[in-house]
N, C-alpha and C. Protein backbone atom coordinates (compact mmCIF):
# COMPACT_ATOMS: atom_id res chain seq x y z
N THR A 1 33.71 120.29 -138.11
CA THR A 1 35.19 119.86 -138.44
C THR A 1 36.09 120.95 -138.00
N GLY A 2 35.65 122.23 -138.17
CA GLY A 2 36.62 123.27 -137.94
C GLY A 2 36.90 123.37 -136.45
N ASP A 3 35.76 123.04 -135.62
CA ASP A 3 36.00 123.12 -134.13
C ASP A 3 37.01 122.08 -133.71
N TRP A 4 36.75 120.92 -134.45
CA TRP A 4 37.71 119.81 -134.07
C TRP A 4 39.11 120.12 -134.29
N ILE A 5 39.43 120.80 -135.47
CA ILE A 5 40.74 121.27 -135.73
C ILE A 5 41.18 122.24 -134.74
N LEU A 6 40.33 123.16 -134.32
CA LEU A 6 40.69 124.01 -133.29
C LEU A 6 41.11 123.39 -131.98
N VAL A 7 40.31 122.45 -131.58
CA VAL A 7 40.42 121.66 -130.37
C VAL A 7 41.74 120.94 -130.54
N LEU A 8 41.97 120.29 -131.64
CA LEU A 8 43.11 119.49 -131.84
C LEU A 8 44.38 120.40 -131.88
N GLY A 9 44.23 121.53 -132.50
CA GLY A 9 45.43 122.56 -132.55
C GLY A 9 45.72 122.99 -131.14
N TYR A 10 44.56 123.24 -130.26
CA TYR A 10 44.83 123.81 -128.94
C TYR A 10 45.39 122.70 -128.16
N PHE A 11 44.96 121.42 -128.42
CA PHE A 11 45.54 120.28 -127.69
C PHE A 11 47.01 120.12 -128.10
N LEU A 12 47.32 120.19 -129.39
CA LEU A 12 48.66 119.93 -129.76
C LEU A 12 49.45 121.20 -129.35
N SER A 13 48.96 122.23 -129.34
CA SER A 13 49.93 123.44 -128.89
C SER A 13 50.01 123.34 -127.40
N SER A 14 49.08 122.99 -126.66
CA SER A 14 49.17 122.84 -125.14
C SER A 14 50.29 121.71 -124.88
N SER A 15 50.12 120.61 -125.65
CA SER A 15 51.10 119.46 -125.47
C SER A 15 52.43 119.92 -125.92
N PHE A 16 52.44 120.70 -126.99
CA PHE A 16 53.70 121.15 -127.46
C PHE A 16 54.41 122.13 -126.47
N ALA A 17 53.59 122.93 -125.99
CA ALA A 17 53.99 123.91 -124.90
C ALA A 17 54.60 123.27 -123.76
N ILE A 18 53.75 122.14 -123.28
CA ILE A 18 54.15 121.37 -122.06
C ILE A 18 55.45 120.66 -122.38
N LEU A 19 55.58 120.01 -123.56
CA LEU A 19 56.73 119.43 -123.97
C LEU A 19 57.92 120.32 -124.10
N LEU A 20 57.70 121.46 -124.64
CA LEU A 20 58.65 122.55 -124.75
C LEU A 20 59.07 123.03 -123.34
N PHE A 21 57.98 123.23 -122.46
CA PHE A 21 58.29 123.66 -121.18
C PHE A 21 59.16 122.58 -120.55
N GLU A 22 58.81 121.37 -120.55
CA GLU A 22 59.53 120.26 -119.92
C GLU A 22 60.97 120.04 -120.47
N ALA A 23 61.02 120.33 -121.80
CA ALA A 23 62.43 120.29 -122.37
C ALA A 23 63.33 121.48 -121.95
N LEU A 24 62.66 122.67 -121.87
CA LEU A 24 63.38 123.76 -121.37
C LEU A 24 63.74 123.65 -119.83
N HIS A 25 62.76 123.14 -119.14
CA HIS A 25 63.11 122.94 -117.77
C HIS A 25 64.19 121.94 -117.52
N SER A 26 64.14 120.81 -118.14
CA SER A 26 65.20 119.86 -118.19
C SER A 26 66.53 120.30 -118.53
N THR A 27 66.49 121.11 -119.54
CA THR A 27 67.79 121.67 -120.12
C THR A 27 68.24 122.64 -119.20
N THR A 28 67.43 123.43 -118.53
CA THR A 28 67.84 124.43 -117.52
C THR A 28 68.24 123.69 -116.29
N ARG A 29 67.80 122.75 -115.86
CA ARG A 29 68.30 121.94 -114.74
C ARG A 29 69.66 121.21 -115.05
N LYS A 30 69.88 120.84 -116.20
CA LYS A 30 71.09 120.20 -116.71
C LYS A 30 72.13 121.36 -116.79
N LEU A 31 71.82 122.44 -117.35
CA LEU A 31 72.78 123.55 -117.29
C LEU A 31 73.14 124.07 -115.90
N GLU A 32 72.14 124.02 -114.94
CA GLU A 32 72.35 124.49 -113.59
C GLU A 32 73.37 123.38 -112.97
N ILE A 33 73.23 122.21 -113.15
CA ILE A 33 74.03 121.11 -112.64
C ILE A 33 75.37 121.26 -113.30
N ILE A 34 75.55 121.51 -114.61
CA ILE A 34 76.80 121.74 -115.23
C ILE A 34 77.41 122.98 -114.59
N GLY A 35 76.63 124.06 -114.51
CA GLY A 35 77.19 125.28 -113.83
C GLY A 35 77.71 125.08 -112.55
N THR A 36 77.05 124.36 -111.76
CA THR A 36 77.48 123.96 -110.35
C THR A 36 78.74 123.09 -110.40
N GLN A 37 78.80 122.20 -111.23
CA GLN A 37 80.07 121.30 -111.48
C GLN A 37 81.08 122.26 -111.90
N LEU A 38 80.88 123.16 -112.89
CA LEU A 38 81.97 124.14 -113.22
C LEU A 38 82.45 124.97 -112.10
N LYS A 39 81.52 125.46 -111.31
CA LYS A 39 81.93 126.24 -110.18
C LYS A 39 82.84 125.48 -109.21
N VAL A 40 82.41 124.18 -108.89
CA VAL A 40 83.18 123.34 -108.00
C VAL A 40 84.44 123.16 -108.58
N GLU A 41 84.60 122.75 -109.93
CA GLU A 41 85.91 122.55 -110.61
C GLU A 41 86.80 123.73 -110.53
N LEU A 42 86.12 124.95 -110.81
CA LEU A 42 86.92 126.24 -110.89
C LEU A 42 87.44 126.56 -109.53
N LYS A 43 86.60 126.18 -108.47
CA LYS A 43 87.12 126.49 -107.11
C LYS A 43 88.33 125.49 -106.75
N GLY A 44 88.15 124.24 -107.22
CA GLY A 44 89.17 123.28 -107.05
C GLY A 44 90.51 123.76 -107.73
N ARG A 45 90.36 124.24 -108.88
CA ARG A 45 91.63 124.70 -109.73
C ARG A 45 92.16 125.83 -108.98
N GLN A 46 91.34 126.83 -108.58
CA GLN A 46 91.81 127.95 -107.87
C GLN A 46 92.52 127.53 -106.54
N ARG A 47 92.00 126.60 -105.88
CA ARG A 47 92.74 126.13 -104.62
C ARG A 47 94.13 125.46 -105.14
N THR A 48 93.99 124.65 -106.18
CA THR A 48 95.26 124.03 -106.69
C THR A 48 96.27 125.01 -106.99
N GLU A 49 95.80 126.07 -107.71
CA GLU A 49 96.80 127.13 -108.23
C GLU A 49 97.30 127.80 -107.03
N THR A 50 96.56 128.17 -106.09
CA THR A 50 96.91 128.84 -104.84
C THR A 50 97.94 127.98 -104.14
N ALA A 51 97.71 126.72 -103.94
CA ALA A 51 98.53 125.84 -103.19
C ALA A 51 99.88 125.76 -104.03
N LEU A 52 99.75 125.68 -105.38
CA LEU A 52 101.02 125.60 -106.28
C LEU A 52 101.80 126.86 -106.06
N ARG A 53 101.18 127.96 -106.08
CA ARG A 53 101.96 129.19 -105.92
C ARG A 53 102.60 129.27 -104.48
N GLU A 54 101.90 128.81 -103.40
CA GLU A 54 102.48 128.76 -102.16
C GLU A 54 103.69 127.73 -102.02
N ALA A 55 103.56 126.60 -102.72
CA ALA A 55 104.55 125.57 -102.77
C ALA A 55 105.90 126.21 -103.40
N GLU A 56 105.62 126.84 -104.64
CA GLU A 56 106.73 127.51 -105.29
C GLU A 56 107.34 128.57 -104.48
N ASN A 57 106.62 129.30 -103.68
CA ASN A 57 107.17 130.29 -102.93
C ASN A 57 107.96 129.65 -101.78
N GLN A 58 107.52 128.65 -101.19
CA GLN A 58 108.25 127.92 -100.05
C GLN A 58 109.54 127.33 -100.66
N LEU A 59 109.46 126.85 -101.93
CA LEU A 59 110.57 126.18 -102.55
C LEU A 59 111.72 127.24 -102.71
N ARG A 60 111.18 128.44 -103.23
CA ARG A 60 112.16 129.45 -103.48
C ARG A 60 112.75 129.89 -102.07
N GLN A 61 112.06 130.09 -101.11
CA GLN A 61 112.58 130.47 -99.79
C GLN A 61 113.63 129.34 -99.27
N HIS A 62 113.16 128.06 -99.41
CA HIS A 62 114.13 127.03 -99.00
C HIS A 62 115.35 126.92 -99.87
N ALA A 63 115.23 127.17 -101.11
CA ALA A 63 116.40 127.29 -101.92
C ALA A 63 117.32 128.47 -101.48
N ILE A 64 116.74 129.61 -101.16
CA ILE A 64 117.61 130.68 -100.62
C ILE A 64 118.26 130.38 -99.37
N TYR A 65 117.49 129.70 -98.40
CA TYR A 65 118.08 129.26 -97.13
C TYR A 65 119.12 128.26 -97.30
N LEU A 66 118.94 127.34 -98.17
CA LEU A 66 120.05 126.36 -98.35
C LEU A 66 121.36 127.00 -99.09
N GLU A 67 121.12 127.81 -100.02
CA GLU A 67 122.28 128.51 -100.57
C GLU A 67 122.99 129.32 -99.56
N GLU A 68 122.41 129.99 -98.68
CA GLU A 68 123.05 130.77 -97.44
C GLU A 68 123.68 129.75 -96.59
N SER A 69 123.06 128.59 -96.27
CA SER A 69 123.69 127.59 -95.45
C SER A 69 124.95 127.15 -96.14
N VAL A 70 124.95 126.74 -97.41
CA VAL A 70 126.02 126.38 -98.09
C VAL A 70 127.24 127.39 -97.93
N ARG A 71 126.89 128.73 -98.26
CA ARG A 71 127.86 129.86 -98.13
C ARG A 71 128.50 129.85 -96.68
N GLN A 72 127.73 129.68 -95.76
CA GLN A 72 128.11 129.82 -94.31
C GLN A 72 129.02 128.65 -94.05
N ARG A 73 128.55 127.48 -94.46
CA ARG A 73 129.44 126.18 -94.15
C ARG A 73 130.70 126.27 -95.02
N THR A 74 130.61 126.79 -96.15
CA THR A 74 131.85 126.84 -96.93
C THR A 74 132.86 127.86 -96.28
N ALA A 75 132.32 128.92 -95.82
CA ALA A 75 133.22 129.89 -95.01
C ALA A 75 133.79 129.27 -93.80
N GLN A 76 132.96 128.49 -93.16
CA GLN A 76 133.44 127.68 -91.92
C GLN A 76 134.48 126.75 -92.32
N LEU A 77 134.24 125.96 -93.32
CA LEU A 77 135.26 124.96 -93.79
C LEU A 77 136.64 125.74 -94.17
N GLU A 78 136.59 126.69 -94.94
CA GLU A 78 137.78 127.40 -95.31
C GLU A 78 138.46 127.97 -94.11
N GLU A 79 137.74 128.52 -93.06
CA GLU A 79 138.43 128.96 -91.98
C GLU A 79 138.99 127.81 -91.05
N THR A 80 138.37 126.73 -91.09
CA THR A 80 138.81 125.41 -90.34
C THR A 80 140.09 125.00 -91.16
N VAL A 81 140.01 124.95 -92.55
CA VAL A 81 141.15 124.46 -93.22
C VAL A 81 142.44 125.40 -92.89
N HIS A 82 142.11 126.66 -93.02
CA HIS A 82 143.18 127.62 -92.74
C HIS A 82 143.80 127.44 -91.34
N SER A 83 142.85 127.35 -90.37
CA SER A 83 143.39 126.97 -88.92
C SER A 83 144.24 125.82 -89.04
N LEU A 84 143.81 124.74 -89.60
CA LEU A 84 144.58 123.40 -89.59
C LEU A 84 145.87 123.71 -90.19
N GLU A 85 145.95 124.31 -91.26
CA GLU A 85 147.16 124.58 -91.99
C GLU A 85 148.13 125.34 -91.15
N THR A 86 147.59 126.31 -90.43
CA THR A 86 148.51 127.17 -89.59
C THR A 86 149.11 126.33 -88.31
N PHE A 87 148.09 125.49 -87.88
CA PHE A 87 148.47 124.52 -86.71
C PHE A 87 149.53 123.58 -87.19
N SER A 88 149.26 122.95 -88.32
CA SER A 88 150.36 121.92 -88.87
C SER A 88 151.68 122.54 -89.02
N TYR A 89 151.57 123.76 -89.65
CA TYR A 89 152.83 124.49 -89.98
C TYR A 89 153.65 124.83 -88.64
N THR A 90 152.84 125.21 -87.60
CA THR A 90 153.46 125.62 -86.42
C THR A 90 154.00 124.31 -85.62
N VAL A 91 153.22 123.26 -85.67
CA VAL A 91 153.70 122.01 -85.02
C VAL A 91 154.84 121.46 -85.71
N ALA A 92 154.74 121.55 -86.92
CA ALA A 92 155.89 120.96 -87.76
C ALA A 92 157.33 121.81 -87.34
N HIS A 93 157.12 123.08 -87.48
CA HIS A 93 158.36 123.88 -87.19
C HIS A 93 158.84 123.64 -85.83
N ASN A 94 157.90 123.47 -84.81
CA ASN A 94 158.28 123.32 -83.41
C ASN A 94 158.99 121.91 -83.14
N LEU A 95 158.57 120.97 -83.93
CA LEU A 95 159.21 119.64 -83.93
C LEU A 95 160.58 119.65 -84.55
N ARG A 96 160.78 120.48 -85.60
CA ARG A 96 162.18 120.32 -86.25
C ARG A 96 163.08 120.95 -85.31
N GLY A 97 163.02 121.88 -84.44
CA GLY A 97 163.89 122.42 -83.69
C GLY A 97 164.60 121.32 -82.74
N PRO A 98 163.82 120.57 -82.02
CA PRO A 98 164.45 119.51 -81.27
C PRO A 98 165.21 118.44 -82.14
N LEU A 99 164.52 118.12 -83.18
CA LEU A 99 165.28 117.16 -84.16
C LEU A 99 166.57 117.65 -84.63
N ARG A 100 166.60 118.99 -84.93
CA ARG A 100 167.98 119.51 -85.24
C ARG A 100 168.90 119.51 -84.20
N ALA A 101 168.44 119.67 -82.95
CA ALA A 101 169.33 119.59 -81.70
C ALA A 101 169.91 118.08 -81.63
N LEU A 102 168.88 117.08 -81.88
CA LEU A 102 169.34 115.72 -81.81
C LEU A 102 170.41 115.42 -82.96
N GLN A 103 170.12 116.04 -84.03
CA GLN A 103 171.02 115.71 -85.14
C GLN A 103 172.47 116.40 -84.86
N GLY A 104 172.41 117.64 -84.29
CA GLY A 104 173.57 118.13 -84.02
C GLY A 104 174.45 117.76 -82.91
N ILE A 105 173.79 117.27 -81.80
CA ILE A 105 174.44 116.68 -80.60
C ILE A 105 175.01 115.33 -80.94
N SER A 106 174.22 114.42 -81.72
CA SER A 106 174.71 113.16 -82.03
C SER A 106 175.86 113.26 -82.94
N GLN A 107 175.89 114.15 -84.01
CA GLN A 107 177.01 114.34 -84.90
C GLN A 107 178.19 114.96 -84.10
N ALA A 108 178.06 115.87 -83.23
CA ALA A 108 179.22 116.37 -82.49
C ALA A 108 179.73 115.44 -81.57
N THR A 109 178.93 114.49 -80.97
CA THR A 109 179.33 113.45 -80.02
C THR A 109 180.22 112.43 -80.81
N LEU A 110 179.58 112.17 -82.05
CA LEU A 110 180.48 111.15 -83.01
C LEU A 110 181.81 111.81 -83.29
N GLU A 111 181.87 113.07 -83.70
CA GLU A 111 183.08 113.62 -84.10
C GLU A 111 184.01 113.92 -83.06
N ASP A 112 183.52 114.28 -81.81
CA ASP A 112 184.48 114.63 -80.67
C ASP A 112 184.71 113.37 -79.84
N TYR A 113 183.90 112.44 -79.73
CA TYR A 113 184.10 111.22 -78.84
C TYR A 113 183.99 110.02 -79.70
N GLY A 114 183.95 109.90 -80.93
CA GLY A 114 183.75 108.79 -81.66
C GLY A 114 184.90 107.76 -81.41
N ALA A 115 186.04 108.17 -81.31
CA ALA A 115 187.22 107.19 -81.02
C ALA A 115 187.02 106.53 -79.74
N GLN A 116 186.42 107.14 -78.79
CA GLN A 116 186.37 106.69 -77.38
C GLN A 116 185.10 105.70 -77.31
N LEU A 117 184.26 105.73 -78.32
CA LEU A 117 183.00 104.83 -78.26
C LEU A 117 183.20 103.47 -78.80
N ASP A 118 182.69 102.51 -78.12
CA ASP A 118 182.68 101.14 -78.62
C ASP A 118 181.74 101.14 -79.89
N PRO A 119 181.79 100.11 -80.68
CA PRO A 119 180.91 100.02 -81.86
C PRO A 119 179.36 100.11 -81.59
N ARG A 120 178.98 99.60 -80.41
CA ARG A 120 177.65 99.80 -80.04
C ARG A 120 177.17 101.24 -79.82
N GLY A 121 178.03 101.99 -79.13
CA GLY A 121 177.80 103.38 -78.80
C GLY A 121 177.76 104.21 -80.13
N HIS A 122 178.73 103.76 -81.00
CA HIS A 122 178.89 104.47 -82.34
C HIS A 122 177.54 104.11 -83.12
N GLU A 123 177.18 102.95 -83.08
CA GLU A 123 175.79 102.60 -83.83
C GLU A 123 174.66 103.37 -83.14
N TYR A 124 174.59 103.43 -81.97
CA TYR A 124 173.44 104.15 -81.33
C TYR A 124 173.35 105.57 -81.72
N LEU A 125 174.46 106.26 -81.63
CA LEU A 125 174.57 107.66 -82.03
C LEU A 125 174.17 107.83 -83.69
N THR A 126 174.73 106.94 -84.46
CA THR A 126 174.50 106.99 -85.90
C THR A 126 173.01 106.82 -86.00
N ARG A 127 172.42 105.81 -85.48
CA ARG A 127 170.88 105.61 -85.51
C ARG A 127 170.08 106.86 -85.02
N ILE A 128 170.64 107.51 -84.01
CA ILE A 128 169.82 108.65 -83.48
C ILE A 128 169.98 109.68 -84.56
N ARG A 129 171.19 109.98 -85.00
CA ARG A 129 171.31 111.05 -85.98
C ARG A 129 170.59 110.70 -87.25
N ASP A 130 170.61 109.40 -87.77
CA ASP A 130 169.88 109.10 -89.00
C ASP A 130 168.32 109.18 -88.83
N SER A 131 167.88 108.76 -87.61
CA SER A 131 166.50 108.86 -87.28
C SER A 131 166.02 110.36 -87.26
N ALA A 132 166.85 111.17 -86.63
CA ALA A 132 166.45 112.54 -86.57
C ALA A 132 166.42 113.14 -87.92
N VAL A 133 167.45 112.76 -88.85
CA VAL A 133 167.39 113.29 -90.20
C VAL A 133 166.14 112.83 -90.95
N ARG A 134 165.80 111.59 -90.74
CA ARG A 134 164.61 110.94 -91.42
C ARG A 134 163.38 111.65 -90.91
N MET A 135 163.27 111.92 -89.65
CA MET A 135 162.12 112.63 -89.07
C MET A 135 161.92 113.93 -89.69
N ASP A 136 163.04 114.62 -89.70
CA ASP A 136 163.11 116.02 -90.32
C ASP A 136 162.52 116.02 -91.66
N SER A 137 163.03 114.91 -92.39
CA SER A 137 162.68 114.85 -93.91
C SER A 137 161.09 114.47 -94.01
N LEU A 138 160.64 113.68 -93.01
CA LEU A 138 159.25 113.51 -93.09
C LEU A 138 158.33 114.75 -92.72
N ILE A 139 158.85 115.47 -91.82
CA ILE A 139 158.18 116.73 -91.47
C ILE A 139 158.12 117.66 -92.58
N CYS A 140 159.31 117.84 -93.27
CA CYS A 140 159.45 118.64 -94.53
C CYS A 140 158.43 118.13 -95.63
N ASP A 141 158.31 116.84 -95.74
CA ASP A 141 157.37 116.26 -96.68
C ASP A 141 155.97 116.60 -96.35
N LEU A 142 155.63 116.50 -94.97
CA LEU A 142 154.37 116.92 -94.67
C LEU A 142 153.94 118.40 -94.96
N LEU A 143 155.00 119.28 -94.65
CA LEU A 143 154.79 120.66 -94.96
C LEU A 143 154.62 120.75 -96.52
N GLY A 144 155.34 120.07 -97.25
CA GLY A 144 155.24 120.11 -98.79
C GLY A 144 153.96 119.57 -99.36
N TYR A 145 153.34 118.65 -98.51
CA TYR A 145 152.12 117.90 -98.98
C TYR A 145 151.00 119.00 -99.21
N ASP A 146 150.98 119.91 -98.21
CA ASP A 146 149.99 120.97 -98.34
C ASP A 146 150.03 121.79 -99.74
N LYS A 147 151.26 122.05 -100.10
CA LYS A 147 151.53 122.73 -101.43
C LYS A 147 151.06 121.88 -102.47
N VAL A 148 151.44 120.64 -102.43
CA VAL A 148 151.28 119.56 -103.49
C VAL A 148 149.67 119.45 -103.62
N ALA A 149 148.98 119.39 -102.52
CA ALA A 149 147.52 119.10 -102.62
C ALA A 149 146.70 120.32 -103.41
N ARG A 150 147.30 121.43 -103.18
CA ARG A 150 146.64 122.61 -103.91
C ARG A 150 147.11 122.78 -105.35
N GLU A 151 148.19 122.23 -105.73
CA GLU A 151 148.54 122.38 -107.13
C GLU A 151 147.94 121.25 -108.04
N LYS A 152 147.93 121.67 -109.33
CA LYS A 152 147.52 120.62 -110.35
C LYS A 152 148.69 119.69 -110.55
N PRO A 153 148.28 118.30 -110.51
CA PRO A 153 149.22 117.29 -110.55
C PRO A 153 149.98 117.34 -111.87
N ARG A 154 151.33 117.16 -111.77
CA ARG A 154 152.20 117.05 -112.91
C ARG A 154 152.58 115.52 -113.16
N LEU A 155 152.40 115.10 -114.18
CA LEU A 155 152.90 113.70 -114.44
C LEU A 155 154.25 113.68 -115.15
N GLU A 156 155.14 112.83 -114.66
CA GLU A 156 156.47 112.67 -115.26
C GLU A 156 156.91 111.28 -115.14
N ASP A 157 157.79 110.93 -116.05
CA ASP A 157 158.39 109.58 -116.03
C ASP A 157 159.33 109.46 -114.82
N VAL A 158 159.28 108.25 -114.08
CA VAL A 158 159.96 107.89 -112.97
C VAL A 158 160.78 106.65 -113.30
N SER A 159 162.10 106.72 -112.94
CA SER A 159 162.92 105.61 -112.91
C SER A 159 162.53 104.68 -111.81
N LEU A 160 162.09 103.52 -112.06
CA LEU A 160 161.79 102.54 -111.03
C LEU A 160 163.15 102.01 -110.44
N ASP A 161 164.08 101.78 -111.12
CA ASP A 161 165.40 101.36 -110.44
C ASP A 161 165.81 102.32 -109.54
N HIS A 162 165.75 103.70 -109.87
CA HIS A 162 166.21 104.69 -108.87
C HIS A 162 165.34 104.83 -107.70
N ALA A 163 164.05 104.72 -107.90
CA ALA A 163 163.06 104.65 -106.76
C ALA A 163 163.20 103.48 -105.84
N ILE A 164 163.52 102.31 -106.42
CA ILE A 164 163.78 101.06 -105.67
C ILE A 164 165.17 101.30 -104.78
N ARG A 165 166.18 101.70 -105.40
CA ARG A 165 167.39 102.07 -104.68
C ARG A 165 167.29 102.92 -103.60
N LEU A 166 166.53 104.03 -103.82
CA LEU A 166 166.29 104.99 -102.82
C LEU A 166 165.52 104.45 -101.64
N SER A 167 164.47 103.73 -102.00
CA SER A 167 163.55 103.06 -100.90
C SER A 167 164.48 102.10 -100.04
N LEU A 168 165.28 101.39 -100.73
CA LEU A 168 166.20 100.38 -100.00
C LEU A 168 167.16 101.10 -99.10
N GLN A 169 167.75 102.16 -99.62
CA GLN A 169 168.68 102.95 -98.82
C GLN A 169 167.92 103.58 -97.53
N THR A 170 166.65 104.05 -97.87
CA THR A 170 166.01 104.74 -96.77
C THR A 170 165.59 103.71 -95.74
N LEU A 171 165.18 102.47 -96.16
CA LEU A 171 164.81 101.41 -95.22
C LEU A 171 165.80 100.40 -94.80
N ALA A 172 167.09 100.66 -95.11
CA ALA A 172 168.10 99.73 -94.91
C ALA A 172 168.28 99.47 -93.34
N SER A 173 168.28 100.30 -92.54
CA SER A 173 168.27 100.14 -91.08
C SER A 173 167.18 99.19 -90.58
N GLN A 174 166.01 99.39 -91.14
CA GLN A 174 164.85 98.58 -90.68
C GLN A 174 164.82 97.18 -91.28
N ILE A 175 165.51 97.05 -92.41
CA ILE A 175 165.50 95.81 -93.11
C ILE A 175 166.51 94.85 -92.30
N GLN A 176 167.54 95.43 -91.82
CA GLN A 176 168.57 94.53 -91.16
C GLN A 176 168.02 94.16 -89.83
C-alpha cells in the first residue's frame, strides 16, 4: 500500500507539474500576446502623439503666416485708401476751378449784358450759373463725405418740412 501511495503521489505530482507547467506556459503566452499588443498600442499612441505635435506646430506656423498676411494686407489697404483720398481730393479741387470760372463768367455776363439778352439767353446763363453752383456744392459734399465717414455718427432731429422745401428748391429746375 505504501508503494501505491508513492506511485499515486508521483503520478499526481507529475500531473500536477504538467498541469502547472501548461498553466504557466499558457499564462506566459497570454502575457507575451498582451505585451505585444501593448507594444503595438504604445507605438500607435507614440505615432499619434508625434503626428499631433507636428499638426500643432504646422497650425502655429500657419497662424503666424496668416497674421503676417493680415498685417501686410491691412497696410496695403491703408495705403490704397490714403492714395484714393489724395486722388479724390486732388480731382475735386481741380474740378472746382473750372466750375468757379463758369459761375464767374455766367454771372459777369448776366450783369454786364443781361439787358441785351432775350429771355432765353438769360435763362441759359442762369442755368449755367446755377448748375455750376450745384456741381460745386456736390464736390464740396463729396469732400466732406470722407470726413463724415471717419467720424462717429451724430443723431439729431430734422425738420421734415425744411428738408422737403430745400429739396424742392434744389430740384425746381428739373421738376419744371
